[in-house]
């Protein structure tokens, strides 16, 4: 057999999966880990935890044991949210960043208390059926025995080297051969297997109050970090009520701030003031209106969203439809504009979804933020710590100013769709600032044009990019649409497929008649929707 290349010169389409029990994830081994728990008699929460633990191993480029996480779930009778993002360490103050013009994205200065493990613990405590330790069997096996690195993960791994090559602990842990693993190469991480086993055996206590917490504390003290055992012991996830906005009769739900999910709701509330159904869903008229609505939403969230204890306005004020209608009036259908924040009146990443035949549905997102995160890997543990403190501001007086015991602005946002108070879909799209943009684009395609979930997530996307402020477009965007956007004054940056810059989406859609779910998985990643 000849040695073959991992080039993919031809377009490939995925078809949706129909099953009574479904797991959809950005990495296929993580999806099957969750499905195995359902086959053992577990529910959607058991499957979500197993997939979340496994994906720290099989897609370490996007998340890890030291990640943060959020979840929205339909528990069979109601919609609930869980915010497991960590607060900044008690020793993290603005003074330590003096002389810097922005927050660092590598090193200890970018690390907040990791919360993903607490989400696994809390979800299982309230909803789990199988023993907690059973949920870690696939993850531990992948870490100890090894797995073949998938194509997109290998590319992400290699791309991370330039940013993290100065982080000694990351280089030792993730580049043991001096390079990233190649597609199809066997990867083992025994240290991570041992850590996952300790978490499994202690029901997570080892991570926040045991030997793993002690290891993180010791390494931080040795290498100049602010994280301490006291920060870990004090951490707890919060059950929250999801926020939502009803758009043309269907409601998109998001986790409330300090996450950016509110931006997707705001953009839809602005877009609702325009009749787009008569236009081509892939044409320049619709793309322009969506882009301008998203720019308006971003202008507001970057000004106002922070830890809710420090916000100057409430989510209710930001989602007020009269306010959003006033913002919509700023849009010129023929010309791109720059927008500042309005004045509301008083009034990351991996993503996975699971759904079981009893009706429980879980929308979960977990992330180290920028690639592998901070580049801090606690020796001997495989714990790669996130860099969520990067989300803080250094602007004096800003509600999101860095400070102790404070949650930063967060990019990772799970979503959920309901109609008339009934569950419709678990929904998410990972990818930094792309997430609310992707939520809005996919949701609008389904609601405005009746596109099925797989088609809606396969369609060409755009991104209002946070670095160069141009509109990034995928190469399968119709040429007339790109030309039409440029004629309206948008500056475009065209990208080549496959790109990491447009997110990765998974959807599990519940049929109104209660029959099998539809599972759709992103064509831009190594993921899969699987079921039985």
Foldseek 3Di string as FASTA:
>chain_A
DDDDDPDDPDDDADDWDWFQWKKWWQAALLRVLLQVCVVVVKFFLLSVLLSVLQCCQQQLQWFHPQWFKKKWKDQLPAIWIKGQFFFAAQPWFLVVCPPPQAQDFADQSLFGGRGPLQVNLVSCVVPIDDQQLVSHVSNLCCQAVWDFHAAVSQVSQQVCCVVQVVQVQLCVQQVVVVGHDHGRDTHHHNLQSVQSNVCRVVSNCCCQPNDVQVLVQVVCVVPVHRDHSVSSVPGHMDMDDWDWAAAPQKIKTKRFPLELLLLLLLLSLLLSVDQPLVDDLLAQLNQLSSVQSSQQSVLASVQFRFQVVLGPAGSCLSNPSVVSPVSSVVDDSQADDHDHHDDRDPVAAIWMKIHHNSGMIMTMGIGLANGSARSDQRPSRRGRHHRQSSQAGSDPPGSRHDHGRTGGRHHHMWMFMDGPNHGWKTKWWHAGQLTSSLVNQLVCCCVSPVDPNQCSQADWGWDCDPPPRAIETEPPRDPNNVVSNVSNPGHYDYDYPPDRHNTWMWMWTADPVSGTIIIHTGPSGNMDMDHD
